[in-house]
PDB file of N, CA and C in Angstrom:
ATOM      1  N   GLY A   1       1.560  47.616  48.643  1.00  0.00           N
ATOM      2  CA  GLY A   1       2.440  46.564  48.235  1.00  0.00           C
ATOM      3  C   GLY A   1       1.976  45.149  48.603  1.00  0.00           C
ATOM      4  N   LYS A   2       2.762  44.282  48.411  1.00  0.00           N
ATOM      5  CA  LYS A   2       2.457  42.899  48.652  1.00  0.00           C
ATOM      6  C   LYS A   2       2.677  42.431  50.093  1.00  0.00           C
ATOM      7  N   ASP A   3       3.537  43.269  50.902  1.00  0.00           N
ATOM      8  CA  ASP A   3       3.845  42.867  52.252  1.00  0.00           C
ATOM      9  C   ASP A   3       2.868  43.623  53.076  1.00  0.00           C
ATOM     10  N   ARG A   4       2.640  42.914  54.268  1.00  0.00           N
ATOM     11  CA  ARG A   4       1.787  43.458  55.346  1.00  0.00           C
ATOM     12  C   ARG A   4       2.325  43.258  56.634  1.00  0.00           C
ATOM     13  N   ILE A   5       2.364  44.335  57.487  1.00  0.00           N
ATOM     14  CA  ILE A   5       3.075  44.224  58.835  1.00  0.00           C
ATOM     15  C   ILE A   5       1.921  44.060  59.848  1.00  0.00           C
ATOM     16  N   ILE A   6       1.900  43.104  60.658  1.00  0.00           N
ATOM     17  CA  ILE A   6       0.975  42.855  61.626  1.00  0.00           C
ATOM     18  C   ILE A   6       1.691  42.828  63.037  1.00  0.00           C
ATOM     19  N   PHE A   7       1.215  43.593  63.957  1.00  0.00           N
ATOM     20  CA  PHE A   7       1.786  43.615  65.335  1.00  0.00           C
ATOM     21  C   PHE A   7       0.946  42.779  66.243  1.00  0.00           C
ATOM     22  N   ALA A   8       1.667  41.948  66.999  1.00  0.00           N
ATOM     23  CA  ALA A   8       1.014  41.000  67.992  1.00  0.00           C
ATOM     24  C   ALA A   8       1.246  41.429  69.227  1.00  0.00           C
ATOM     25  N   THR A   9       0.203  41.508  70.059  1.00  0.00           N
ATOM     26  CA  THR A   9       0.340  42.067  71.554  1.00  0.00           C
ATOM     27  C   THR A   9       0.698  40.813  72.367  1.00  0.00           C
ATOM     28  N   LYS A  10       0.975  41.118  73.610  1.00  0.00           N
ATOM     29  CA  LYS A  10       1.257  40.023  74.650  1.00  0.00           C
ATOM     30  C   LYS A  10      -0.023  39.195  74.806  1.00  0.00           C
ATOM     31  N   GLU A  11      -1.158  39.828  74.717  1.00  0.00           N
ATOM     32  CA  GLU A  11      -2.428  39.090  75.022  1.00  0.00           C
ATOM     33  C   GLU A  11      -2.651  38.166  73.703  1.00  0.00           C
ATOM     34  N   ASP A  12      -2.308  38.624  72.462  1.00  0.00           N
ATOM     35  CA  ASP A  12      -2.402  37.716  71.315  1.00  0.00           C
ATOM     36  C   ASP A  12      -1.626  36.423  71.579  1.00  0.00           C
ATOM     37  N   HIS A  13      -0.525  36.580  72.194  1.00  0.00           N
ATOM     38  CA  HIS A  13       0.375  35.304  72.447  1.00  0.00           C
ATOM     39  C   HIS A  13      -0.061  34.472  73.452  1.00  0.00           C
ATOM     40  N   GLU A  14      -1.039  34.974  74.366  1.00  0.00           N
ATOM     41  CA  GLU A  14      -1.405  34.206  75.446  1.00  0.00           C
ATOM     42  C   GLU A  14      -2.554  33.171  75.229  1.00  0.00           C
ATOM     43  N   THR A  15      -3.328  33.441  74.040  1.00  0.00           N
ATOM     44  CA  THR A  15      -4.354  32.583  73.613  1.00  0.00           C
ATOM     45  C   THR A  15      -3.811  31.494  72.713  1.00  0.00           C
ATOM     46  N   PRO A  16      -4.350  30.287  72.665  1.00  0.00           N
ATOM     47  CA  PRO A  16      -3.920  29.334  71.740  1.00  0.00           C
ATOM     48  C   PRO A  16      -4.083  29.691  70.314  1.00  0.00           C
ATOM     49  N   SER A  17      -3.237  29.271  69.422  1.00  0.00           N
ATOM     50  CA  SER A  17      -3.325  29.595  67.970  1.00  0.00           C
ATOM     51  C   SER A  17      -4.516  28.836  67.296  1.00  0.00           C
ATOM     52  N   SER A  18      -5.314  29.524  66.412  1.00  0.00           N
ATOM     53  CA  SER A  18      -6.484  29.077  65.777  1.00  0.00           C
ATOM     54  C   SER A  18      -6.025  28.640  64.327  1.00  0.00           C
ATOM     55  N   ALA A  19      -4.649  28.861  64.040  1.00  0.00           N
ATOM     56  CA  ALA A  19      -4.255  28.390  62.651  1.00  0.00           C
ATOM     57  C   ALA A  19      -4.570  26.987  62.327  1.00  0.00           C
ATOM     58  N   GLU A  20      -4.931  26.805  61.046  1.00  0.00           N
ATOM     59  CA  GLU A  20      -5.167  25.428  60.558  1.00  0.00           C
ATOM     60  C   GLU A  20      -4.186  25.106  59.476  1.00  0.00           C
ATOM     61  N   LEU A  21      -3.648  23.880  59.657  1.00  0.00           N
ATOM     62  CA  LEU A  21      -2.714  23.455  58.691  1.00  0.00           C
ATOM     63  C   LEU A  21      -3.447  22.711  57.529  1.00  0.00           C
ATOM     64  N   VAL A  22      -3.198  23.100  56.361  1.00  0.00           N
ATOM     65  CA  VAL A  22      -3.853  22.740  55.072  1.00  0.00           C
ATOM     66  C   VAL A  22      -2.923  21.596  54.458  1.00  0.00           C
ATOM     67  N   ALA A  23      -3.475  20.462  54.205  1.00  0.00           N
ATOM     68  CA  ALA A  23      -2.871  19.484  53.483  1.00  0.00           C
ATOM     69  C   ALA A  23      -2.093  19.893  52.128  1.00  0.00           C
ATOM     70  N   ASP A  24      -0.902  19.335  51.880  1.00  0.00           N
ATOM     71  CA  ASP A  24      -0.263  19.750  50.584  1.00  0.00           C
ATOM     72  C   ASP A  24      -1.209  19.431  49.479  1.00  0.00           C
ATOM     73  N   ASP A  25      -1.251  20.225  48.279  1.00  0.00           N
ATOM     74  CA  ASP A  25      -1.988  19.966  47.103  1.00  0.00           C
ATOM     75  C   ASP A  25      -1.080  19.630  46.100  1.00  0.00           C
ATOM     76  N   PRO A  26      -1.238  18.313  45.742  1.00  0.00           N
ATOM     77  CA  PRO A  26      -0.425  17.789  44.732  1.00  0.00           C
ATOM     78  C   PRO A  26      -0.354  18.358  43.399  1.00  0.00           C
ATOM     79  N   ASP A  27      -1.423  19.135  43.132  1.00  0.00           N
ATOM     80  CA  ASP A  27      -1.439  19.865  41.692  1.00  0.00           C
ATOM     81  C   ASP A  27      -1.034  21.271  41.966  1.00  0.00           C
ATOM     82  N   ASP A  28      -0.395  21.669  43.162  1.00  0.00           N
ATOM     83  CA  ASP A  28       0.159  23.159  43.300  1.00  0.00           C
ATOM     84  C   ASP A  28       1.396  23.244  42.219  1.00  0.00           C
ATOM     85  N   PRO A  29       1.212  24.124  41.263  1.00  0.00           N
ATOM     86  CA  PRO A  29       2.157  24.282  40.229  1.00  0.00           C
ATOM     87  C   PRO A  29       3.526  24.862  40.906  1.00  0.00           C
ATOM     88  N   TYR A  30       3.258  25.365  42.042  1.00  0.00           N
ATOM     89  CA  TYR A  30       4.539  26.053  42.725  1.00  0.00           C
ATOM     90  C   TYR A  30       5.289  25.092  43.613  1.00  0.00           C
ATOM     91  N   GLU A  31       4.704  23.937  43.934  1.00  0.00           N
ATOM     92  CA  GLU A  31       5.306  22.939  44.819  1.00  0.00           C
ATOM     93  C   GLU A  31       6.525  22.465  44.100  1.00  0.00           C
ATOM     94  N   GLU A  32       7.507  22.037  44.738  1.00  0.00           N
ATOM     95  CA  GLU A  32       8.605  21.500  44.215  1.00  0.00           C
ATOM     96  C   GLU A  32       8.223  20.177  43.683  1.00  0.00           C
ATOM     97  N   GLN A  33       8.519  19.920  42.420  1.00  0.00           N
ATOM     98  CA  GLN A  33       8.052  18.691  41.804  1.00  0.00           C
ATOM     99  C   GLN A  33       9.308  17.896  41.354  1.00  0.00           C
ATOM    100  N   GLY A  34      10.529  18.397  41.369  1.00  0.00           N
ATOM    101  CA  GLY A  34      11.556  17.754  40.838  1.00  0.00           C
ATOM    102  C   GLY A  34      11.882  18.261  39.490  1.00  0.00           C
ATOM    103  N   LEU A  35      12.922  17.732  38.752  1.00  0.00           N
ATOM    104  CA  LEU A  35      13.226  18.269  37.528  1.00  0.00           C
ATOM    105  C   LEU A  35      12.187  18.021  36.338  1.00  0.00           C
ATOM    106  N   ILE A  36      11.505  16.937  36.461  1.00  0.00           N
ATOM    107  CA  ILE A  36      10.497  16.623  35.322  1.00  0.00           C
ATOM    108  C   ILE A  36       9.070  16.663  36.110  1.00  0.00           C
ATOM    109  N   LEU A  37       8.247  17.484  35.560  1.00  0.00           N
ATOM    110  CA  LEU A  37       6.859  17.415  36.093  1.00  0.00           C
ATOM    111  C   LEU A  37       5.998  16.235  35.593  1.00  0.00           C
ATOM    112  N   PRO A  38       4.945  15.873  36.354  1.00  0.00           N
ATOM    113  CA  PRO A  38       4.276  14.774  36.002  1.00  0.00           C
ATOM    114  C   PRO A  38       3.842  14.662  34.653  1.00  0.00           C
ATOM    115  N   SER A  39       3.700  15.947  33.899  1.00  0.00           N
ATOM    116  CA  SER A  39       3.253  16.037  32.468  1.00  0.00           C
ATOM    117  C   SER A  39       4.462  15.684  31.581  1.00  0.00           C
ATOM    118  N   GLY A  40       5.689  15.366  32.107  1.00  0.00           N
ATOM    119  CA  GLY A  40       6.818  15.117  31.347  1.00  0.00           C
ATOM    120  C   GLY A  40       7.612  16.331  30.873  1.00  0.00           C
ATOM    121  N   ASP A  41       6.965  17.568  31.273  1.00  0.00           N
ATOM    122  CA  ASP A  41       7.627  18.884  30.929  1.00  0.00           C
ATOM    123  C   ASP A  41       8.735  19.105  31.936  1.00  0.00           C
ATOM    124  N   ILE A  42       9.755  20.079  31.586  1.00  0.00           N
ATOM    125  CA  ILE A  42      10.816  20.342  32.428  1.00  0.00           C
ATOM    126  C   ILE A  42      10.240  21.500  33.401  1.00  0.00           C
ATOM    127  N   ASN A  43      10.663  21.244  34.582  1.00  0.00           N
ATOM    128  CA  ASN A  43      10.334  22.212  35.853  1.00  0.00           C
ATOM    129  C   ASN A  43      11.459  23.064  35.683  1.00  0.00           C
ATOM    130  N   TRP A  44      11.299  24.357  35.131  1.00  0.00           N
ATOM    131  CA  TRP A  44      12.374  25.409  35.005  1.00  0.00           C
ATOM    132  C   TRP A  44      12.555  25.927  36.453  1.00  0.00           C
ATOM    133  N   ASN A  45      11.703  25.747  37.435  1.00  0.00           N
ATOM    134  CA  ASN A  45      11.729  26.354  38.728  1.00  0.00           C
ATOM    135  C   ASN A  45      12.467  25.488  39.626  1.00  0.00           C
ATOM    136  N   CYS A  46      12.813  24.217  39.290  1.00  0.00           N
ATOM    137  CA  CYS A  46      13.532  23.249  40.251  1.00  0.00           C
ATOM    138  C   CYS A  46      14.843  23.883  40.742  1.00  0.00           C
ATOM    139  N   PRO A  47      14.922  23.826  42.027  1.00  0.00           N
ATOM    140  CA  PRO A  47      16.213  24.271  42.621  1.00  0.00           C
ATOM    141  C   PRO A  47      17.499  23.488  42.027  1.00  0.00           C
ATOM    142  N   CYS A  48      17.153  22.218  41.605  1.00  0.00           N
ATOM    143  CA  CYS A  48      18.316  21.488  41.033  1.00  0.00           C
ATOM    144  C   CYS A  48      19.105  22.126  39.871  1.00  0.00           C
ATOM    145  N   LEU A  49      18.370  23.125  39.297  1.00  0.00           N
ATOM    146  CA  LEU A  49      19.003  23.592  37.923  1.00  0.00           C
ATOM    147  C   LEU A  49      19.816  24.816  38.447  1.00  0.00           C
ATOM    148  N   GLY A  50      19.929  25.069  39.778  1.00  0.00           N
ATOM    149  CA  GLY A  50      20.843  26.031  40.125  1.00  0.00           C
ATOM    150  C   GLY A  50      20.735  27.449  39.491  1.00  0.00           C
ATOM    151  N   GLY A  51      19.442  27.783  39.203  1.00  0.00           N
ATOM    152  CA  GLY A  51      19.232  29.110  38.591  1.00  0.00           C
ATOM    153  C   GLY A  51      19.712  29.397  37.147  1.00  0.00           C
ATOM    154  N   MET A  52      20.037  28.257  36.574  1.00  0.00           N
ATOM    155  CA  MET A  52      20.690  28.236  35.202  1.00  0.00           C
ATOM    156  C   MET A  52      19.617  28.746  34.268  1.00  0.00           C
ATOM    157  N   ALA A  53      18.343  28.356  34.475  1.00  0.00           N
ATOM    158  CA  ALA A  53      17.228  28.743  33.545  1.00  0.00           C
ATOM    159  C   ALA A  53      16.896  30.313  33.435  1.00  0.00           C
ATOM    160  N   SER A  54      17.469  31.075  34.498  1.00  0.00           N
ATOM    161  CA  SER A  54      17.246  32.439  34.424  1.00  0.00           C
ATOM    162  C   SER A  54      18.666  33.134  34.212  1.00  0.00           C
ATOM    163  N   GLY A  55      18.559  34.379  34.284  1.00  0.00           N
ATOM    164  CA  GLY A  55      19.979  35.164  33.952  1.00  0.00           C
ATOM    165  C   GLY A  55      20.170  35.353  32.541  1.00  0.00           C
ATOM    166  N   PRO A  56      21.354  35.928  32.120  1.00  0.00           N
ATOM    167  CA  PRO A  56      21.577  36.362  30.796  1.00  0.00           C
ATOM    168  C   PRO A  56      21.603  35.263  29.746  1.00  0.00           C
ATOM    169  N   CYS A  57      21.920  34.098  30.302  1.00  0.00           N
ATOM    170  CA  CYS A  57      21.954  32.929  29.285  1.00  0.00           C
ATOM    171  C   CYS A  57      20.850  31.855  29.512  1.00  0.00           C
ATOM    172  N   GLY A  58      19.828  32.348  30.250  1.00  0.00           N
ATOM    173  CA  GLY A  58      18.719  31.414  30.539  1.00  0.00           C
ATOM    174  C   GLY A  58      18.166  30.881  29.363  1.00  0.00           C
ATOM    175  N   GLU A  59      17.829  31.676  28.352  1.00  0.00           N
ATOM    176  CA  GLU A  59      17.172  31.240  27.213  1.00  0.00           C
ATOM    177  C   GLU A  59      18.063  30.192  26.399  1.00  0.00           C
ATOM    178  N   GLN A  60      19.263  30.445  26.272  1.00  0.00           N
ATOM    179  CA  GLN A  60      20.261  29.395  25.711  1.00  0.00           C
ATOM    180  C   GLN A  60      20.249  28.050  26.470  1.00  0.00           C
ATOM    181  N   PHE A  61      20.246  28.343  27.769  1.00  0.00           N
ATOM    182  CA  PHE A  61      20.292  27.087  28.575  1.00  0.00           C
ATOM    183  C   PHE A  61      19.020  26.213  28.346  1.00  0.00           C
ATOM    184  N   LYS A  62      17.876  26.924  28.393  1.00  0.00           N
ATOM    185  CA  LYS A  62      16.688  26.291  28.172  1.00  0.00           C
ATOM    186  C   LYS A  62      16.580  25.590  26.863  1.00  0.00           C
ATOM    187  N   SER A  63      17.041  26.423  25.846  1.00  0.00           N
ATOM    188  CA  SER A  63      17.091  25.696  24.484  1.00  0.00           C
ATOM    189  C   SER A  63      17.908  24.436  24.298  1.00  0.00           C
ATOM    190  N   ALA A  64      19.057  24.466  24.916  1.00  0.00           N
ATOM    191  CA  ALA A  64      19.998  23.245  24.975  1.00  0.00           C
ATOM    192  C   ALA A  64      19.533  22.136  25.787  1.00  0.00           C
ATOM    193  N   PHE A  65      18.986  22.448  27.022  1.00  0.00           N
ATOM    194  CA  PHE A  65      18.511  21.542  27.887  1.00  0.00           C
ATOM    195  C   PHE A  65      17.257  20.743  27.462  1.00  0.00           C
ATOM    196  N   SER A  66      16.336  21.612  26.811  1.00  0.00           N
ATOM    197  CA  SER A  66      15.122  21.119  26.194  1.00  0.00           C
ATOM    198  C   SER A  66      15.499  20.176  25.100  1.00  0.00           C
ATOM    199  N   CYS A  67      16.413  20.749  24.206  1.00  0.00           N
ATOM    200  CA  CYS A  67      16.793  19.906  23.188  1.00  0.00           C
ATOM    201  C   CYS A  67      17.320  18.511  23.610  1.00  0.00           C
ATOM    202  N   PHE A  68      18.279  18.499  24.595  1.00  0.00           N
ATOM    203  CA  PHE A  68      18.679  17.291  25.072  1.00  0.00           C
ATOM    204  C   PHE A  68      17.692  16.382  25.751  1.00  0.00           C
ATOM    205  N   HIS A  69      16.819  17.006  26.570  1.00  0.00           N
ATOM    206  CA  HIS A  69      15.841  16.100  27.243  1.00  0.00           C
ATOM    207  C   HIS A  69      14.790  15.544  26.184  1.00  0.00           C
ATOM    208  N   TYR A  70      14.519  16.169  25.171  1.00  0.00           N
ATOM    209  CA  TYR A  70      13.505  15.666  24.223  1.00  0.00           C
ATOM    210  C   TYR A  70      14.260  14.946  22.998  1.00  0.00           C
ATOM    211  N   SER A  71      15.427  14.806  23.062  1.00  0.00           N
ATOM    212  CA  SER A  71      16.337  14.252  21.881  1.00  0.00           C
ATOM    213  C   SER A  71      15.989  12.687  21.830  1.00  0.00           C
ATOM    214  N   THR A  72      15.771  12.250  20.738  1.00  0.00           N
ATOM    215  CA  THR A  72      15.482  10.790  20.413  1.00  0.00           C
ATOM    216  C   THR A  72      16.601  10.309  19.473  1.00  0.00           C
ATOM    217  N   GLU A  73      17.707  10.989  19.392  1.00  0.00           N
ATOM    218  CA  GLU A  73      18.879  10.474  18.669  1.00  0.00           C
ATOM    219  C   GLU A  73      19.443   9.184  19.332  1.00  0.00           C
ATOM    220  N   GLU A  74      19.991   8.432  18.645  1.00  0.00           N
ATOM    221  CA  GLU A  74      20.758   7.182  19.220  1.00  0.00           C
ATOM    222  C   GLU A  74      21.916   7.611  20.191  1.00  0.00           C
ATOM    223  N   ILE A  75      22.517   8.651  19.869  1.00  0.00           N
ATOM    224  CA  ILE A  75      23.468   9.202  20.791  1.00  0.00           C
ATOM    225  C   ILE A  75      22.802  10.469  21.289  1.00  0.00           C
ATOM    226  N   LYS A  76      22.080  10.360  22.461  1.00  0.00           N
ATOM    227  CA  LYS A  76      21.113  11.310  22.826  1.00  0.00           C
ATOM    228  C   LYS A  76      21.919  12.722  23.003  1.00  0.00           C
ATOM    229  N   GLY A  77      21.190  13.655  22.479  1.00  0.00           N
ATOM    230  CA  GLY A  77      21.774  15.030  22.476  1.00  0.00           C
ATOM    231  C   GLY A  77      22.678  15.406  21.283  1.00  0.00           C
ATOM    232  N   SER A  78      22.802  14.429  20.562  1.00  0.00           N
ATOM    233  CA  SER A  78      23.887  14.732  19.439  1.00  0.00           C
ATOM    234  C   SER A  78      23.268  15.573  18.301  1.00  0.00           C
ATOM    235  N   ASP A  79      21.946  15.823  18.441  1.00  0.00           N
ATOM    236  CA  ASP A  79      21.370  16.843  17.496  1.00  0.00           C
ATOM    237  C   ASP A  79      21.273  18.204  18.194  1.00  0.00           C
ATOM    238  N   CYS A  80      21.919  18.447  19.320  1.00  0.00           N
ATOM    239  CA  CYS A  80      21.817  19.605  20.117  1.00  0.00           C
ATOM    240  C   CYS A  80      23.085  20.432  20.070  1.00  0.00           C
ATOM    241  N   VAL A  81      24.126  20.176  19.296  1.00  0.00           N
ATOM    242  CA  VAL A  81      25.458  20.632  19.320  1.00  0.00           C
ATOM    243  C   VAL A  81      25.384  22.292  19.222  1.00  0.00           C
ATOM    244  N   ASP A  82      24.531  22.683  18.331  1.00  0.00           N
ATOM    245  CA  ASP A  82      24.468  24.203  18.059  1.00  0.00           C
ATOM    246  C   ASP A  82      23.878  24.829  19.309  1.00  0.00           C
ATOM    247  N   GLN A  83      22.914  24.224  19.927  1.00  0.00           N
ATOM    248  CA  GLN A  83      22.243  24.832  21.085  1.00  0.00           C
ATOM    249  C   GLN A  83      23.232  25.066  22.171  1.00  0.00           C
ATOM    250  N   PHE A  84      24.051  23.824  22.422  1.00  0.00           N
ATOM    251  CA  PHE A  84      25.049  23.853  23.581  1.00  0.00           C
ATOM    252  C   PHE A  84      26.135  24.819  23.322  1.00  0.00           C
ATOM    253  N   ARG A  85      26.588  24.857  21.988  1.00  0.00           N
ATOM    254  CA  ARG A  85      27.603  25.868  21.573  1.00  0.00           C
ATOM    255  C   ARG A  85      27.080  27.317  21.846  1.00  0.00           C
ATOM    256  N   ALA A  86      25.835  27.724  21.445  1.00  0.00           N
ATOM    257  CA  ALA A  86      25.369  28.990  21.788  1.00  0.00           C
ATOM    258  C   ALA A  86      25.280  29.258  23.386  1.00  0.00           C
ATOM    259  N   MET A  87      24.934  28.232  23.988  1.00  0.00           N
ATOM    260  CA  MET A  87      25.029  28.387  25.448  1.00  0.00           C
ATOM    261  C   MET A  87      26.378  28.660  25.964  1.00  0.00           C
ATOM    262  N   GLN A  88      27.328  27.951  25.491  1.00  0.00           N
ATOM    263  CA  GLN A  88      28.663  28.184  25.984  1.00  0.00           C
ATOM    264  C   GLN A  88      29.093  29.508  25.572  1.00  0.00           C
ATOM    265  N   GLU A  89      28.913  29.893  24.301  1.00  0.00           N
ATOM    266  CA  GLU A  89      29.483  31.130  23.807  1.00  0.00           C
ATOM    267  C   GLU A  89      28.738  32.340  24.863  1.00  0.00           C
ATOM    268  N   CYS A  90      27.509  32.229  24.975  1.00  0.00           N
ATOM    269  CA  CYS A  90      26.906  33.260  25.955  1.00  0.00           C
ATOM    270  C   CYS A  90      27.554  33.181  27.343  1.00  0.00           C
ATOM    271  N   MET A  91      27.762  32.091  27.757  1.00  0.00           N
ATOM    272  CA  MET A  91      28.463  32.095  29.230  1.00  0.00           C
ATOM    273  C   MET A  91      29.699  32.593  29.256  1.00  0.00           C
ATOM    274  N   GLN A  92      30.390  32.478  28.165  1.00  0.00           N
ATOM    275  CA  GLN A  92      31.816  33.009  28.132  1.00  0.00           C
ATOM    276  C   GLN A  92      31.831  34.491  28.174  1.00  0.00           C
ATOM    277  N   LYS A  93      30.649  35.088  27.730  1.00  0.00           N
ATOM    278  CA  LYS A  93      30.457  36.751  27.825  1.00  0.00           C
ATOM    279  C   LYS A  93      30.359  37.140  29.204  1.00  0.00           C
ATOM    280  N   TYR A  94      29.931  36.244  30.056  1.00  0.00           N
ATOM    281  CA  TYR A  94      29.702  36.564  31.513  1.00  0.00           C
ATOM    282  C   TYR A  94      30.630  35.841  32.463  1.00  0.00           C
ATOM    283  N   PRO A  95      31.874  36.060  32.573  1.00  0.00           N
ATOM    284  CA  PRO A  95      32.828  35.294  33.317  1.00  0.00           C
ATOM    285  C   PRO A  95      32.520  35.372  34.861  1.00  0.00           C
ATOM    286  N   ASP A  96      32.022  36.506  35.167  1.00  0.00           N
ATOM    287  CA  ASP A  96      31.660  36.767  36.659  1.00  0.00           C
ATOM    288  C   ASP A  96      30.579  35.850  37.105  1.00  0.00           C
ATOM    289  N   LEU A  97      29.562  35.685  36.218  1.00  0.00           N
ATOM    290  CA  LEU A  97      28.215  34.938  36.549  1.00  0.00           C
ATOM    291  C   LEU A  97      28.678  33.275  36.216  1.00  0.00           C
ATOM    292  N   TYR A  98      29.408  33.195  35.349  1.00  0.00           N
ATOM    293  CA  TYR A  98      29.637  31.580  35.004  1.00  0.00           C
ATOM    294  C   TYR A  98      31.046  31.557  34.961  1.00  0.00           C
ATOM    295  N   PRO A  99      31.661  31.462  36.044  1.00  0.00           N
ATOM    296  CA  PRO A  99      33.064  31.363  36.154  1.00  0.00           C
ATOM    297  C   PRO A  99      33.688  29.975  35.558  1.00  0.00           C
ATOM    298  N   GLN A 100      34.656  30.095  34.817  1.00  0.00           N
ATOM    299  CA  GLN A 100      35.551  28.922  34.336  1.00  0.00           C
ATOM    300  C   GLN A 100      36.462  28.624  35.472  1.00  0.00           C
ATOM    301  N   GLU A 101      36.383  27.490  35.944  1.00  0.00           N
ATOM    302  CA  GLU A 101      37.199  27.100  37.133  1.00  0.00           C
ATOM    303  C   GLU A 101      38.622  26.981  36.740  1.00  0.00           C
ATOM    304  N   ASP A 102      39.342  26.130  37.376  1.00  0.00           N
ATOM    305  CA  ASP A 102      40.810  25.960  37.100  1.00  0.00           C
ATOM    306  C   ASP A 102      40.995  25.173  35.798  1.00  0.00           C
ATOM    307  N   GLU A 103      42.336  24.771  35.623  1.00  0.00           N
ATOM    308  CA  GLU A 103      42.653  24.048  34.259  1.00  0.00           C
ATOM    309  C   GLU A 103      41.883  22.836  34.163  1.00  0.00           C
ATOM    310  N   ASN A 104      41.412  22.109  35.183  1.00  0.00           N
ATOM    311  CA  ASN A 104      40.569  20.806  35.023  1.00  0.00           C
ATOM    312  C   ASN A 104      39.330  21.221  34.349  1.00  0.00           C
ATOM    313  N   ASP A 105      38.712  22.378  34.792  1.00  0.00           N
ATOM    314  CA  ASP A 105      37.511  22.721  34.283  1.00  0.00           C
ATOM    315  C   ASP A 105      37.658  23.194  32.757  1.00  0.00           C
ATOM    316  N   GLU A 106      38.699  23.647  32.355  1.00  0.00           N
ATOM    317  CA  GLU A 106      38.999  24.040  30.934  1.00  0.00           C
ATOM    318  C   GLU A 106      39.138  22.714  30.260  1.00  0.00           C
ATOM    319  N   LYS A 107      39.740  21.681  30.876  1.00  0.00           N
ATOM    320  CA  LYS A 107      39.904  20.458  30.208  1.00  0.00           C
ATOM    321  C   LYS A 107      38.540  19.920  29.975  1.00  0.00           C
ATOM    322  N   SER A 108      37.572  19.986  30.983  1.00  0.00           N
ATOM    323  CA  SER A 108      36.264  19.390  30.854  1.00  0.00           C
ATOM    324  C   SER A 108      35.464  20.076  29.553  1.00  0.00           C
ATOM    325  N   SER A 109      35.699  21.467  29.608  1.00  0.00           N
ATOM    326  CA  SER A 109      35.088  22.283  28.491  1.00  0.00           C
ATOM    327  C   SER A 109      35.574  21.732  27.097  1.00  0.00           C
ATOM    328  N   LYS A 110      36.931  21.435  26.980  1.00  0.00           N
ATOM    329  CA  LYS A 110      37.333  21.100  25.745  1.00  0.00           C
ATOM    330  C   LYS A 110      36.873  19.581  25.497  1.00  0.00           C
ATOM    331  N   ASP A 111      36.880  18.689  26.605  1.00  0.00           N
ATOM    332  CA  ASP A 111      36.261  17.394  26.464  1.00  0.00           C
ATOM    333  C   ASP A 111      34.887  17.539  26.024  1.00  0.00           C
ATOM    334  N   LEU A 112      34.049  18.537  26.528  1.00  0.00           N
ATOM    335  CA  LEU A 112      32.580  18.595  26.077  1.00  0.00           C
ATOM    336  C   LEU A 112      32.526  18.998  24.624  1.00  0.00           C
ATOM    337  N   GLU A 113      33.413  19.866  24.202  1.00  0.00           N
ATOM    338  CA  GLU A 113      33.670  20.420  22.910  1.00  0.00           C
ATOM    339  C   GLU A 113      33.894  19.162  21.880  1.00  0.00           C
ATOM    340  N   ALA A 114      34.994  18.307  22.331  1.00  0.00           N
ATOM    341  CA  ALA A 114      35.420  17.221  21.634  1.00  0.00           C
ATOM    342  C   ALA A 114      34.374  16.225  21.418  1.00  0.00           C
ATOM    343  N   ALA A 115      33.468  15.944  22.535  1.00  0.00           N
ATOM    344  CA  ALA A 115      32.369  15.057  22.494  1.00  0.00           C
ATOM    345  C   ALA A 115      31.300  15.546  21.576  1.00  0.00           C
ATOM    346  N   SER A 116      30.969  16.884  21.684  1.00  0.00           N
ATOM    347  CA  SER A 116      30.077  17.415  20.673  1.00  0.00           C
ATOM    348  C   SER A 116      30.516  17.265  19.319  1.00  0.00           C
ATOM    349  N   MET A 117      31.882  17.439  18.917  1.00  0.00           N
ATOM    350  CA  MET A 117      32.352  17.256  17.623  1.00  0.00           C
ATOM    351  C   MET A 117      31.971  15.806  17.194  1.00  0.00           C
ATOM    352  N   GLU A 118      32.332  14.932  18.080  1.00  0.00           N
ATOM    353  CA  GLU A 118      32.334  13.466  17.852  1.00  0.00           C
ATOM    354  C   GLU A 118      30.886  13.126  17.628  1.00  0.00           C
ATOM    355  N   ALA A 119      29.885  13.691  18.369  1.00  0.00           N
ATOM    356  CA  ALA A 119      28.543  13.363  18.222  1.00  0.00           C
ATOM    357  C   ALA A 119      27.958  13.865  16.903  1.00  0.00           C
ATOM    358  N   SER A 120      28.552  15.142  16.499  1.00  0.00           N
ATOM    359  CA  SER A 120      28.247  15.668  15.244  1.00  0.00           C
ATOM    360  C   SER A 120      28.782  15.031  14.114  1.00  0.00           C
ATOM    361  N   ALA A 121      30.013  14.415  14.229  1.00  0.00           N
ATOM    362  CA  ALA A 121      30.483  13.604  13.176  1.00  0.00           C
ATOM    363  C   ALA A 121      29.742  12.307  13.068  1.00  0.00           C
ATOM    364  N   ALA A 122      29.576  11.619  14.153  1.00  0.00           N
ATOM    365  CA  ALA A 122      28.619  10.423  14.291  1.00  0.00           C
ATOM    366  C   ALA A 122      27.343  10.663  13.550  1.00  0.00           C
ATOM    367  N   LYS A 123      26.603  11.776  13.740  1.00  0.00           N
ATOM    368  CA  LYS A 123      25.292  12.082  13.260  1.00  0.00           C
ATOM    369  C   LYS A 123      25.434  12.187  11.688  1.00  0.00           C
ATOM    370  N   GLU A 124      26.483  12.963  11.122  1.00  0.00           N
ATOM    371  CA  GLU A 124      26.682  13.276   9.833  1.00  0.00           C
ATOM    372  C   GLU A 124      27.018  11.807   9.136  1.00  0.00           C
ATOM    373  N   GLU A 125      27.816  10.986   9.906  1.00  0.00           N
ATOM    374  CA  GLU A 125      28.190   9.635   9.128  1.00  0.00           C
ATOM    375  C   GLU A 125      26.838   8.760   9.052  1.00  0.00           C
ATOM    376  N   LYS A 126      26.042   8.982  10.109  1.00  0.00           N
ATOM    377  CA  LYS A 126      24.815   8.034  10.155  1.00  0.00           C
ATOM    378  C   LYS A 126      23.878   8.619   9.000  1.00  0.00           C
ATOM    379  N   GLU A 127      23.855   9.904   8.818  1.00  0.00           N
ATOM    380  CA  GLU A 127      22.854  10.456   7.761  1.00  0.00           C
ATOM    381  C   GLU A 127      23.441  10.003   6.439  1.00  0.00           C
ATOM    382  N   SER A 128      24.690   9.981   6.153  1.00  0.00           N
ATOM    383  CA  SER A 128      25.281   9.769   4.819  1.00  0.00           C
ATOM    384  C   SER A 128      25.266   8.385   4.504  1.00  0.00           C
ATOM    385  N   SER A 129      24.902   7.420   5.462  1.00  0.00           N
ATOM    386  CA  SER A 129      24.967   5.921   5.101  1.00  0.00           C
ATOM    387  C   SER A 129      23.493   5.596   4.837  1.00  0.00           C
TER     388      SER A 129
END
């Protein structure tokens, strides 16, 4: 397997360590880089995403978040309503993993939905003019 067990004797601990510290490699793809990588891509491994990029709704989250991140609309993300709706519908199927908090949270969910509808209406209005 990937794990290896090494036993150290009392004698091993009596001699100074010969371990060398290696400087951090700025190009290490596994090093925490923050949410946006130097290339401008999204770092799906960033702990700041709280694991949302994995799990049963990970693909829907990635789709919605990518759409928002790369959106060039005047109202950023207004072209992503369908992706966010799909993500929300997925999350509602897994209440144990994505708990809906108290009434205030339901209010925020409704606010998000209202904002999405407004953005969608604004987009349609913009397209028709």
